[in-house]
């Protein structure tokens, strides 16, 4: 498990050589820090905040790298809210 978390967070690639418990704790702390950062960047790119927060926690620096490289969406993922209109006039009068 420590090896998988080490590669997912990127510590194994940086030559981080500590015990398995230290590697797990450090990886989880870094992933927990990268999750909101990834979500904020995703939001600014017009992507799903919740999805990218989960991906940021699960994949750490890899998710952050992907969202930094990803292009911005040209249109919002949801339609803009329509202006509030009053009820239509009644034809009964």
C-alpha atoms as a PDB file:
ATOM      1  CA  UNK A   1       0.000   0.000   0.000  1.00  0.00           C
ATOM      2  CA  UNK A   2       2.855   2.384   0.834  1.00  0.00           C
ATOM      3  CA  UNK A   3       4.403   1.840  -2.595  1.00  0.00           C
ATOM      4  CA  UNK A   4       1.128   2.532  -4.405  1.00  0.00           C
ATOM      5  CA  UNK A   5       0.524   5.707  -2.388  1.00  0.00           C
ATOM      6  CA  UNK A   6       4.122   6.737  -2.982  1.00  0.00           C
ATOM      7  CA  UNK A   7       3.701   6.556  -6.751  1.00  0.00           C
ATOM      8  CA  UNK A   8       0.220   8.101  -6.693  1.00  0.00           C
ATOM      9  CA  UNK A   9       1.375  11.111  -4.684  1.00  0.00           C
ATOM     10  CA  UNK A  10       4.677  11.373  -6.525  1.00  0.00           C
ATOM     11  CA  UNK A  11       6.993  10.821  -3.559  1.00  0.00           C
ATOM     12  CA  UNK A  12       8.413   7.594  -4.946  1.00  0.00           C
ATOM     13  CA  UNK A  13       9.578   9.473  -8.041  1.00  0.00           C
ATOM     14  CA  UNK A  14      11.342  12.103  -5.914  1.00  0.00           C
ATOM     15  CA  UNK A  15      13.403   9.525  -4.059  1.00  0.00           C
ATOM     16  CA  UNK A  16      11.567   9.830  -0.742  1.00  0.00           C
ATOM     17  CA  UNK A  17      13.079   7.049   1.404  1.00  0.00           C
ATOM     18  CA  UNK A  18      11.298   6.682   4.727  1.00  0.00           C
ATOM     19  CA  UNK A  19       9.439   3.903   6.451  1.00  0.00           C
ATOM     20  CA  UNK A  20       6.075   2.752   5.083  1.00  0.00           C
ATOM     21  CA  UNK A  21       4.063   4.511   7.802  1.00  0.00           C
ATOM     22  CA  UNK A  22       5.878   7.797   7.202  1.00  0.00           C
ATOM     23  CA  UNK A  23       5.330   7.455   3.464  1.00  0.00           C
ATOM     24  CA  UNK A  24       1.622   6.750   3.925  1.00  0.00           C
ATOM     25  CA  UNK A  25       1.130   9.642   6.356  1.00  0.00           C
ATOM     26  CA  UNK A  26       3.043  12.102   4.184  1.00  0.00           C
ATOM     27  CA  UNK A  27       1.285  10.982   1.005  1.00  0.00           C
ATOM     28  CA  UNK A  28      -2.150  11.351   2.580  1.00  0.00           C
ATOM     29  CA  UNK A  29      -1.273  14.791   3.968  1.00  0.00           C
ATOM     30  CA  UNK A  30      -0.015  16.015   0.601  1.00  0.00           C
ATOM     31  CA  UNK A  31      -2.992  14.530  -1.246  1.00  0.00           C
ATOM     32  CA  UNK A  32      -5.362  16.206   1.226  1.00  0.00           C
ATOM     33  CA  UNK A  33      -3.598  19.490   0.493  1.00  0.00           C
ATOM     34  CA  UNK A  34      -3.671  19.025  -3.279  1.00  0.00           C
ATOM     35  CA  UNK A  35      -7.378  18.098  -3.394  1.00  0.00           C
ATOM     36  CA  UNK A  36      -8.750  21.622  -2.731  1.00  0.00           C
ATOM     37  CA  UNK A  37      -6.088  23.200  -4.948  1.00  0.00           C
ATOM     38  CA  UNK A  38      -7.035  20.858  -7.802  1.00  0.00           C
ATOM     39  CA  UNK A  39     -10.731  21.618  -7.233  1.00  0.00           C
ATOM     40  CA  UNK A  40     -10.155  25.396  -7.344  1.00  0.00           C
ATOM     41  CA  UNK A  41      -8.205  25.178 -10.584  1.00  0.00           C
ATOM     42  CA  UNK A  42     -10.851  22.860 -12.056  1.00  0.00           C
ATOM     43  CA  UNK A  43     -13.574  25.326 -11.108  1.00  0.00           C
ATOM     44  CA  UNK A  44     -11.715  28.132 -12.871  1.00  0.00           C
ATOM     45  CA  UNK A  45     -11.410  25.914 -15.943  1.00  0.00           C
ATOM     46  CA  UNK A  46     -15.173  25.249 -15.931  1.00  0.00           C
ATOM     47  CA  UNK A  47     -14.851  21.657 -14.702  1.00  0.00           C
ATOM     48  CA  UNK A  48     -16.636  19.777 -11.924  1.00  0.00           C
ATOM     49  CA  UNK A  49     -15.249  20.888  -8.561  1.00  0.00           C
ATOM     50  CA  UNK A  50     -16.327  17.802  -6.611  1.00  0.00           C
ATOM     51  CA  UNK A  51     -15.014  15.358  -9.196  1.00  0.00           C
ATOM     52  CA  UNK A  52     -11.623  17.050  -9.368  1.00  0.00           C
ATOM     53  CA  UNK A  53     -11.375  17.293  -5.579  1.00  0.00           C
ATOM     54  CA  UNK A  54     -11.821  13.529  -5.397  1.00  0.00           C
ATOM     55  CA  UNK A  55      -9.340  13.001  -8.228  1.00  0.00           C
ATOM     56  CA  UNK A  56      -6.916  15.388  -6.525  1.00  0.00           C
ATOM     57  CA  UNK A  57      -7.065  13.375  -3.323  1.00  0.00           C
ATOM     58  CA  UNK A  58      -6.823  10.018  -5.079  1.00  0.00           C
ATOM     59  CA  UNK A  59      -4.099  10.867  -7.592  1.00  0.00           C
ATOM     60  CA  UNK A  60      -2.291  13.802  -5.979  1.00  0.00           C
ATOM     61  CA  UNK A  61       0.189  15.562  -8.216  1.00  0.00           C
ATOM     62  CA  UNK A  62      -0.959  13.620 -11.287  1.00  0.00           C
ATOM     63  CA  UNK A  63      -4.491  15.066 -11.091  1.00  0.00           C
ATOM     64  CA  UNK A  64      -3.051  18.525 -10.498  1.00  0.00           C
ATOM     65  CA  UNK A  65      -0.825  18.175 -13.571  1.00  0.00           C
ATOM     66  CA  UNK A  66      -3.749  17.031 -15.726  1.00  0.00           C
ATOM     67  CA  UNK A  67      -6.035  19.890 -14.680  1.00  0.00           C
ATOM     68  CA  UNK A  68      -3.250  22.410 -15.225  1.00  0.00           C
ATOM     69  CA  UNK A  69      -2.740  21.097 -18.758  1.00  0.00           C
ATOM     70  CA  UNK A  70      -6.462  20.730 -19.530  1.00  0.00           C
ATOM     71  CA  UNK A  71      -7.974  23.460 -21.644  1.00  0.00           C
ATOM     72  CA  UNK A  72     -10.697  25.699 -20.358  1.00  0.00           C
ATOM     73  CA  UNK A  73     -14.250  24.951 -21.356  1.00  0.00           C
ATOM     74  CA  UNK A  74     -15.662  27.520 -23.729  1.00  0.00           C
ATOM     75  CA  UNK A  75     -19.156  27.138 -22.344  1.00  0.00           C
ATOM     76  CA  UNK A  76     -20.313  26.458 -18.798  1.00  0.00           C
ATOM     77  CA  UNK A  77     -21.256  22.842 -17.999  1.00  0.00           C
ATOM     78  CA  UNK A  78     -24.740  24.019 -17.045  1.00  0.00           C
ATOM     79  CA  UNK A  79     -27.040  26.663 -18.558  1.00  0.00           C
ATOM     80  CA  UNK A  80     -26.994  30.079 -16.891  1.00  0.00           C
ATOM     81  CA  UNK A  81     -30.015  30.834 -14.707  1.00  0.00           C
ATOM     82  CA  UNK A  82     -32.836  32.594 -16.497  1.00  0.00           C
ATOM     83  CA  UNK A  83     -33.909  35.976 -15.144  1.00  0.00           C
ATOM     84  CA  UNK A  84     -36.831  35.904 -12.767  1.00  0.00           C
ATOM     85  CA  UNK A  85     -39.989  36.804 -14.605  1.00  0.00           C
ATOM     86  CA  UNK A  86     -43.301  37.788 -13.159  1.00  0.00           C
ATOM     87  CA  UNK A  87     -46.283  35.637 -13.980  1.00  0.00           C
ATOM     88  CA  UNK A  88     -47.758  36.161 -17.447  1.00  0.00           C
ATOM     89  CA  UNK A  89     -50.700  38.552 -17.680  1.00  0.00           C
ATOM     90  CA  UNK A  90     -54.077  36.989 -17.341  1.00  0.00           C
ATOM     91  CA  UNK A  91     -56.326  36.976 -20.439  1.00  0.00           C
ATOM     92  CA  UNK A  92     -59.427  36.421 -18.324  1.00  0.00           C
ATOM     93  CA  UNK A  93     -60.006  40.125 -17.711  1.00  0.00           C
END
